[in-house]
Amino acid sequence: MKQFFGMSQSGDLKKAVQGLKDPQVILLMSNDSQFESHVEELERLFPGVPSIGCIGMSYDTRMVEKGVGVVAYYGGVAAAANVLEKVSVMPVKYINRLERDVEKVGAAGNDTACIDFCSGNDACVLTTMYSVLKHRGIPLAGGTGDAGKVSANGKVYEDAVAYVLVKNKGGKVKAYKENIYKEMQQHRFIASKTDKAKYMIGELNGQPAKQVYQNILHVTEQQITTQTFRNPFGRLTGDDVCIVSIKEVEGNALTCFRQVNDSDVLVLLELGDYKKTVKDTIQQIRHDFPKISAVFSVNCLFRYLLFTENHYMQEYLQEMGTLGNHAGLVGYGEHYNNRFVNQSMTCVVFE
């Protein structure tokens, strides 16, 4: 199989897909003002080709911040694209679509990956989707787009998750998750007075969450939402840590980008040696895949902002580019199998 990436900084879709022939599946990453028109135009240009799309920045070795980026797979690929609707209420109502698509492409864990673009309620969506994917060991990587909109097969949806199943007829696939943070061992908390609907943490170890965060890190209330770039929370799930980003301060509480429940065990994280972590990830991928056809990744917006602030983003894209054909999306939340995480990178690698 092969991966195509095309882009236009001005949002010219025809320019972005120039040179693309006989795609078997397409991923569209557009801007807010042109998204709907790009979805329609893409369907006209490549009628009937399975496709999904969302609003967000994209990249290969360069960033596309306001234009349009297109990723396509061809040459030894079987694919199906579809959507689960009403994800804020009952995504499981549409799960038979995913079940049929898994059968349609003959999906298997060793050669098929699921890539998804979601409009929200990610944790519930991933639990629903993984109830089907886990039985065949099919890896999933994806993320949340902007403005609550996604597309599938030429149609725009709100309150939905769009997905593609990509079967690699030429080799194996595998998903990865990268964490550039490490645990501050002395700071572990039990969450309480949480609000699931608002993703809010009221107290940590019985004390107001805002005050606990400020006292440990010696930051003002105004600095909290940027301090999370360096010191997010981590939710312990078995041996894994799911990163929880702080969104805003609400009174003495902290509102986050993912749900925290009463009695959840949280730790405070600190930024590690991210350059070394990236090199380690690349080394691991190279070890697992001596021959790489494609890498599709989703990087968190907060990672993008952190890397940009530290003048590392371009170097990062060049580093990832050494794997071969690497492209991806800047998302508002990252998906790795059945886990919804923040401030991470997830990717799927095709042999």
Protein backbone atom coordinates (compact mmCIF):
# COMPACT_ATOMS: atom_id res chain seq x y z
CA MET A 1 0.00 0.00 0.00
CA LYS A 2 0.96 3.63 -0.36
CA GLN A 3 0.03 6.88 1.41
CA PHE A 4 -0.54 10.18 -0.38
CA PHE A 5 -0.45 13.59 1.31
CA GLY A 6 -1.42 16.77 -0.49
CA MET A 7 -2.02 20.24 0.87
CA SER A 8 -2.90 23.81 0.03
CA GLN A 9 -2.21 26.63 2.46
CA SER A 10 -4.91 28.71 0.74
CA GLY A 11 -7.58 26.01 0.90
CA ASP A 12 -7.51 25.08 -2.80
CA LEU A 13 -8.70 21.46 -2.74
CA LYS A 14 -7.94 20.79 -6.40
CA LYS A 15 -4.34 21.82 -5.77
CA ALA A 16 -4.18 19.62 -2.66
CA VAL A 17 -5.25 16.48 -4.57
CA GLN A 18 -3.11 17.19 -7.64
CA GLY A 19 -1.38 13.97 -8.63
CA LEU A 20 -3.73 11.70 -6.66
CA LYS A 21 -4.92 8.81 -8.83
CA ASP A 22 -7.19 5.89 -7.98
CA PRO A 23 -7.42 6.45 -4.20
CA GLN A 24 -9.09 3.67 -2.24
CA VAL A 25 -9.82 5.79 0.85
CA ILE A 26 -9.44 9.52 1.62
CA LEU A 27 -9.03 11.56 4.83
CA LEU A 28 -9.89 15.27 4.61
CA MET A 29 -8.64 17.87 7.11
CA SER A 30 -10.07 21.29 6.36
CA ASN A 31 -10.70 24.71 7.88
CA ASP A 32 -13.90 25.96 9.49
CA SER A 33 -15.03 28.27 6.69
CA GLN A 34 -14.48 25.82 3.80
CA PHE A 35 -15.24 22.46 5.39
CA GLU A 36 -18.71 21.89 3.92
CA SER A 37 -17.68 23.01 0.43
CA HIS A 38 -14.54 20.86 0.58
CA VAL A 39 -16.61 17.80 1.55
CA GLU A 40 -18.90 18.34 -1.46
CA GLU A 41 -16.02 19.03 -3.83
CA LEU A 42 -14.08 15.97 -2.69
CA GLU A 43 -17.08 13.76 -3.44
CA ARG A 44 -17.38 15.30 -6.91
CA LEU A 45 -13.70 14.77 -7.62
CA PHE A 46 -13.64 11.17 -6.32
CA PRO A 47 -17.23 9.90 -6.41
CA GLY A 48 -17.90 6.79 -4.36
CA VAL A 49 -14.44 6.61 -2.79
CA PRO A 50 -14.77 5.96 0.98
CA SER A 51 -13.85 9.14 2.86
CA ILE A 52 -13.98 10.84 6.23
CA GLY A 53 -13.17 14.41 7.20
CA CYS A 54 -12.97 16.92 10.02
CA ILE A 55 -11.95 20.49 10.78
CA GLY A 56 -8.36 20.75 11.95
CA MET A 57 -4.75 21.50 11.10
CA SER A 58 -2.75 18.87 9.24
CA TYR A 59 0.88 18.15 8.42
CA ASP A 60 3.51 16.04 6.77
CA THR A 61 6.94 17.67 7.08
CA ARG A 62 5.10 21.03 6.99
CA MET A 63 2.15 22.44 8.92
CA VAL A 64 -1.13 23.33 7.23
CA GLU A 65 -2.74 25.71 9.71
CA LYS A 66 -5.62 27.30 7.81
CA GLY A 67 -5.83 25.59 4.43
CA VAL A 68 -6.63 21.99 3.57
CA GLY A 69 -4.77 18.70 3.84
CA VAL A 70 -5.65 15.37 2.21
CA VAL A 71 -4.37 11.91 3.11
CA ALA A 72 -5.21 9.00 0.81
CA TYR A 73 -4.35 5.29 0.65
CA TYR A 74 -4.06 3.27 -2.54
CA GLY A 75 -2.33 0.25 -4.02
CA GLY A 76 -3.22 -2.88 -2.06
CA VAL A 77 -5.88 -1.49 0.25
CA ALA A 78 -9.42 -2.57 1.13
CA ALA A 79 -11.42 0.08 2.97
CA ALA A 80 -14.83 1.11 4.27
CA ALA A 81 -15.94 4.47 5.68
CA ASN A 82 -19.03 5.18 7.74
CA VAL A 83 -20.45 7.17 10.65
CA LEU A 84 -22.04 6.52 14.05
CA GLU A 85 -24.60 9.23 14.77
CA LYS A 86 -26.06 10.80 17.93
CA VAL A 87 -22.86 10.07 19.86
CA SER A 88 -23.85 12.33 22.77
CA VAL A 89 -26.96 10.20 23.35
CA MET A 90 -26.59 6.63 22.08
CA PRO A 91 -23.80 5.79 19.61
CA VAL A 92 -24.45 2.07 20.18
CA LYS A 93 -27.69 2.48 18.19
CA TYR A 94 -25.59 2.54 15.01
CA ILE A 95 -22.98 -0.06 15.95
CA ASN A 96 -24.26 -2.53 13.36
CA ARG A 97 -22.71 -0.26 10.69
CA LEU A 98 -19.25 -0.92 12.11
CA GLU A 99 -20.00 -4.62 12.47
CA ARG A 100 -21.00 -4.82 8.79
CA ASP A 101 -17.94 -2.85 7.66
CA VAL A 102 -15.60 -5.14 9.62
CA GLU A 103 -17.09 -8.11 7.74
CA LYS A 104 -17.09 -6.22 4.42
CA VAL A 105 -13.34 -5.56 4.39
CA GLY A 106 -12.41 -8.84 6.08
CA ALA A 107 -10.79 -6.87 8.89
CA ALA A 108 -8.25 -8.62 11.11
CA GLY A 109 -6.02 -7.38 13.91
CA ASN A 110 -2.78 -8.09 12.10
CA ASP A 111 -3.56 -6.16 8.92
CA THR A 112 -6.41 -3.67 9.57
CA ALA A 113 -6.59 -0.36 11.43
CA CYS A 114 -9.49 1.90 12.30
CA ILE A 115 -8.95 5.67 12.01
CA ASP A 116 -11.68 7.91 13.42
CA PHE A 117 -12.60 11.60 13.54
CA CYS A 118 -15.02 12.47 16.34
CA SER A 119 -17.16 15.49 17.22
CA GLY A 120 -17.30 14.80 21.00
CA ASN A 121 -18.31 12.42 23.83
CA ASP A 122 -15.14 10.56 22.94
CA ALA A 123 -14.89 8.17 25.89
CA CYS A 124 -18.36 6.76 25.27
CA VAL A 125 -17.72 6.57 21.52
CA LEU A 126 -14.48 4.64 21.96
CA THR A 127 -16.03 2.18 24.42
CA THR A 128 -18.81 1.56 21.89
CA MET A 129 -16.53 1.13 18.88
CA TYR A 130 -14.01 -1.01 20.72
CA SER A 131 -16.74 -3.44 21.74
CA VAL A 132 -16.61 -4.53 18.08
CA LEU A 133 -12.92 -3.98 17.29
CA LYS A 134 -11.47 -5.76 20.35
CA HIS A 135 -12.83 -9.18 19.34
CA ARG A 136 -10.58 -9.13 16.27
CA GLY A 137 -7.76 -7.14 17.89
CA ILE A 138 -8.17 -4.27 15.42
CA PRO A 139 -6.16 -1.21 16.57
CA LEU A 140 -7.72 2.26 16.56
CA ALA A 141 -6.12 5.68 16.36
CA GLY A 142 -7.92 8.98 15.85
CA GLY A 143 -8.98 12.23 17.42
CA THR A 144 -11.49 15.01 17.90
CA GLY A 145 -12.01 17.63 15.21
CA ASP A 146 -13.08 21.24 15.71
CA ALA A 147 -16.54 22.86 15.59
CA GLY A 148 -18.49 19.68 16.36
CA LYS A 149 -18.57 18.52 12.72
CA VAL A 150 -17.26 15.51 10.82
CA SER A 151 -17.91 14.07 7.38
CA ALA A 152 -18.30 10.62 5.89
CA ASN A 153 -18.69 9.70 2.22
CA GLY A 154 -19.51 13.22 1.06
CA LYS A 155 -21.97 14.17 3.81
CA VAL A 156 -21.43 16.45 6.85
CA TYR A 157 -22.63 15.29 10.29
CA GLU A 158 -22.85 16.88 13.72
CA ASP A 159 -22.80 14.87 16.95
CA ALA A 160 -21.13 11.93 15.22
CA VAL A 161 -17.97 9.91 14.76
CA ALA A 162 -16.69 9.17 11.27
CA TYR A 163 -14.37 6.21 10.79
CA VAL A 164 -12.46 4.31 8.14
CA LEU A 165 -11.31 0.71 8.28
CA VAL A 166 -8.09 0.38 6.29
CA LYS A 167 -6.96 -3.16 5.46
CA ASN A 168 -3.34 -3.40 4.38
CA LYS A 169 -3.06 -6.23 1.86
CA GLY A 170 0.72 -5.91 1.87
CA GLY A 171 1.58 -6.35 5.54
CA LYS A 172 0.85 -5.70 9.18
CA VAL A 173 -0.42 -2.65 11.11
CA LYS A 174 0.04 -1.41 14.66
CA ALA A 175 -1.11 1.56 16.77
CA TYR A 176 1.10 3.52 19.18
CA LYS A 177 0.58 6.12 21.91
CA GLU A 178 3.29 8.56 23.00
CA ASN A 179 3.43 10.25 26.42
CA ILE A 180 6.00 13.02 26.96
CA TYR A 181 5.13 13.45 30.66
CA LYS A 182 6.34 11.69 33.80
CA GLU A 183 4.69 11.21 37.16
CA MET A 184 5.50 13.47 40.11
CA GLN A 185 5.61 10.69 42.67
CA GLN A 186 4.86 12.86 45.69
CA HIS A 187 1.59 14.21 44.29
CA ARG A 188 -1.23 11.64 44.15
CA PHE A 189 -4.89 12.47 44.69
CA ILE A 190 -8.36 11.07 45.08
CA ALA A 191 -10.85 13.12 43.07
CA SER A 192 -14.17 14.12 44.60
CA LYS A 193 -17.08 16.52 44.03
CA THR A 194 -16.71 15.86 40.32
CA ASP A 195 -19.30 16.78 37.68
CA LYS A 196 -19.32 14.22 34.86
CA ALA A 197 -21.33 16.42 32.51
CA LYS A 198 -18.96 19.37 32.91
CA TYR A 199 -15.74 17.29 33.15
CA MET A 200 -15.12 19.13 36.42
CA ILE A 201 -12.94 18.27 39.42
CA GLY A 202 -14.21 19.93 42.61
CA GLU A 203 -11.75 18.59 45.17
CA LEU A 204 -8.46 16.70 45.38
CA ASN A 205 -7.86 14.84 48.64
CA GLY A 206 -10.74 16.82 50.13
CA GLN A 207 -9.28 20.23 49.26
CA PRO A 208 -10.44 22.68 46.53
CA ALA A 209 -8.85 21.49 43.27
CA LYS A 210 -7.79 24.95 42.12
CA GLN A 211 -6.02 25.68 45.41
CA VAL A 212 -4.22 22.31 45.40
CA TYR A 213 -2.88 22.90 41.88
CA GLN A 214 -1.81 26.47 42.66
CA ASN A 215 -0.11 25.58 45.96
CA ILE A 216 1.99 22.81 44.40
CA LEU A 217 3.09 24.72 41.31
CA HIS A 218 3.07 28.28 42.71
CA VAL A 219 1.05 29.72 39.83
CA THR A 220 -1.68 32.34 39.69
CA GLU A 221 -5.23 31.48 38.69
CA GLN A 222 -4.62 33.09 35.29
CA GLN A 223 -1.58 30.87 34.66
CA ILE A 224 -3.36 27.55 35.28
CA THR A 225 -4.66 27.02 31.73
CA THR A 226 -1.19 27.39 30.22
CA GLN A 227 0.63 25.62 33.06
CA THR A 228 -1.27 22.47 32.04
CA PHE A 229 1.02 22.30 28.97
CA ARG A 230 3.79 21.39 31.42
CA ASN A 231 1.81 19.95 34.32
CA PRO A 232 -1.39 18.13 33.35
CA PHE A 233 -3.06 15.54 35.54
CA GLY A 234 -2.78 11.83 34.87
CA ARG A 235 -5.60 9.36 35.54
CA LEU A 236 -4.29 5.95 36.55
CA THR A 237 -5.85 3.07 34.62
CA GLY A 238 -4.10 -0.16 35.50
CA ASP A 239 -0.47 0.26 34.48
CA ASP A 240 -1.30 3.10 32.10
CA VAL A 241 -1.63 6.85 32.66
CA CYS A 242 -4.28 8.76 30.69
CA ILE A 243 -3.37 12.43 30.48
CA VAL A 244 -6.06 14.88 31.63
CA SER A 245 -5.66 18.49 30.44
CA ILE A 246 -7.10 21.44 32.35
CA LYS A 247 -9.51 23.51 30.29
CA GLU A 248 -10.47 26.35 32.65
CA VAL A 249 -11.04 27.44 36.25
CA GLU A 250 -14.61 27.44 37.53
CA GLY A 251 -14.78 28.93 41.01
CA ASN A 252 -12.56 26.69 43.15
CA ALA A 253 -12.93 23.80 40.72
CA LEU A 254 -11.02 22.82 37.58
CA THR A 255 -12.80 21.92 34.34
CA CYS A 256 -10.91 19.44 32.15
CA PHE A 257 -10.94 18.14 28.59
CA ARG A 258 -11.83 14.60 29.64
CA GLN A 259 -14.06 13.12 32.30
CA VAL A 260 -12.89 12.51 35.84
CA ASN A 261 -15.11 10.62 38.28
CA ASP A 262 -15.41 10.55 42.06
CA SER A 263 -12.75 8.25 43.61
CA ASP A 264 -10.56 8.29 40.48
CA VAL A 265 -6.86 8.20 41.37
CA LEU A 266 -5.03 11.15 39.79
CA VAL A 267 -1.38 12.07 39.73
CA LEU A 268 0.30 15.32 38.81
CA LEU A 269 2.55 15.03 35.78
CA GLU A 270 5.54 17.06 34.65
CA LEU A 271 7.05 17.53 31.23
CA GLY A 272 9.88 15.11 30.54
CA ASP A 273 12.63 15.08 27.94
CA TYR A 274 10.22 15.20 24.98
CA LYS A 275 12.97 15.18 22.34
CA LYS A 276 14.30 11.91 23.74
CA THR A 277 10.78 10.47 23.97
CA VAL A 278 10.15 11.24 20.30
CA LYS A 279 13.45 9.59 19.31
CA ASP A 280 12.54 6.54 21.42
CA THR A 281 9.14 6.27 19.71
CA ILE A 282 10.73 6.47 16.27
CA GLN A 283 13.30 3.83 17.28
CA GLN A 284 10.54 1.52 18.54
CA ILE A 285 8.54 1.89 15.33
CA ARG A 286 11.63 1.16 13.24
CA HIS A 287 12.31 -1.94 15.36
CA ASP A 288 8.75 -3.19 14.85
CA PHE A 289 8.58 -2.22 11.15
CA PRO A 290 11.76 -2.69 9.11
CA LYS A 291 9.67 -1.66 6.07
CA ILE A 292 7.15 1.18 6.49
CA SER A 293 4.52 2.13 3.91
CA ALA A 294 2.71 4.81 5.91
CA VAL A 295 2.32 6.49 9.29
CA PHE A 296 -0.80 8.47 10.19
CA SER A 297 -0.67 10.33 13.51
CA VAL A 298 -2.85 12.60 15.63
CA ASN A 299 -1.03 15.19 17.73
CA CYS A 300 -2.84 17.10 20.47
CA LEU A 301 -3.34 20.84 19.97
CA PHE A 302 -1.58 21.39 23.32
CA ARG A 303 1.47 19.43 22.08
CA TYR A 304 1.46 21.60 18.95
CA LEU A 305 1.34 24.76 21.09
CA LEU A 306 4.05 23.48 23.43
CA PHE A 307 6.34 22.41 20.58
CA THR A 308 5.74 25.70 18.74
CA GLU A 309 6.46 27.73 21.88
CA ASN A 310 9.75 25.85 22.25
CA HIS A 311 10.63 26.21 18.52
CA TYR A 312 10.54 22.42 18.13
CA MET A 313 7.50 21.78 15.92
CA GLN A 314 9.33 21.90 12.60
CA GLU A 315 12.15 19.75 13.96
CA TYR A 316 9.53 17.29 15.27
CA LEU A 317 7.91 16.94 11.84
CA GLN A 318 11.30 16.43 10.22
CA GLU A 319 12.15 13.74 12.81
CA MET A 320 8.87 11.89 12.20
CA GLY A 321 9.42 12.31 8.47
CA THR A 322 12.50 10.09 8.70
CA LEU A 323 10.12 7.15 9.15
CA GLY A 324 9.07 7.62 5.53
CA ASN A 325 5.59 8.69 4.57
CA HIS A 326 4.25 10.43 7.70
CA ALA A 327 1.18 12.69 7.84
CA GLY A 328 -1.48 13.56 10.35
CA LEU A 329 -3.97 15.76 12.17
CA VAL A 330 -3.74 18.22 15.06
CA GLY A 331 -6.65 17.12 17.26
CA TYR A 332 -8.52 18.27 20.35
CA GLY A 333 -8.27 14.87 22.03
CA GLU A 334 -6.54 11.68 20.99
CA HIS A 335 -7.83 8.13 20.62
CA TYR A 336 -5.84 4.96 21.23
CA ASN A 337 -7.85 1.73 21.03
CA ASN A 338 -10.51 2.24 23.72
CA ARG A 339 -8.75 5.14 25.48
CA PHE A 340 -9.45 8.85 25.20
CA VAL A 341 -6.38 10.87 26.18
CA ASN A 342 -5.16 14.47 26.14
CA GLN A 343 -1.78 16.04 25.33
CA SER A 344 -0.61 12.86 23.58
CA MET A 345 0.32 11.56 20.16
CA THR A 346 -1.34 8.47 18.77
CA CYS A 347 -0.55 6.90 15.43
CA VAL A 348 -1.10 3.89 13.23
CA VAL A 349 1.76 2.40 11.25
CA PHE A 350 1.34 0.34 8.08
CA GLU A 351 4.00 -2.07 6.85
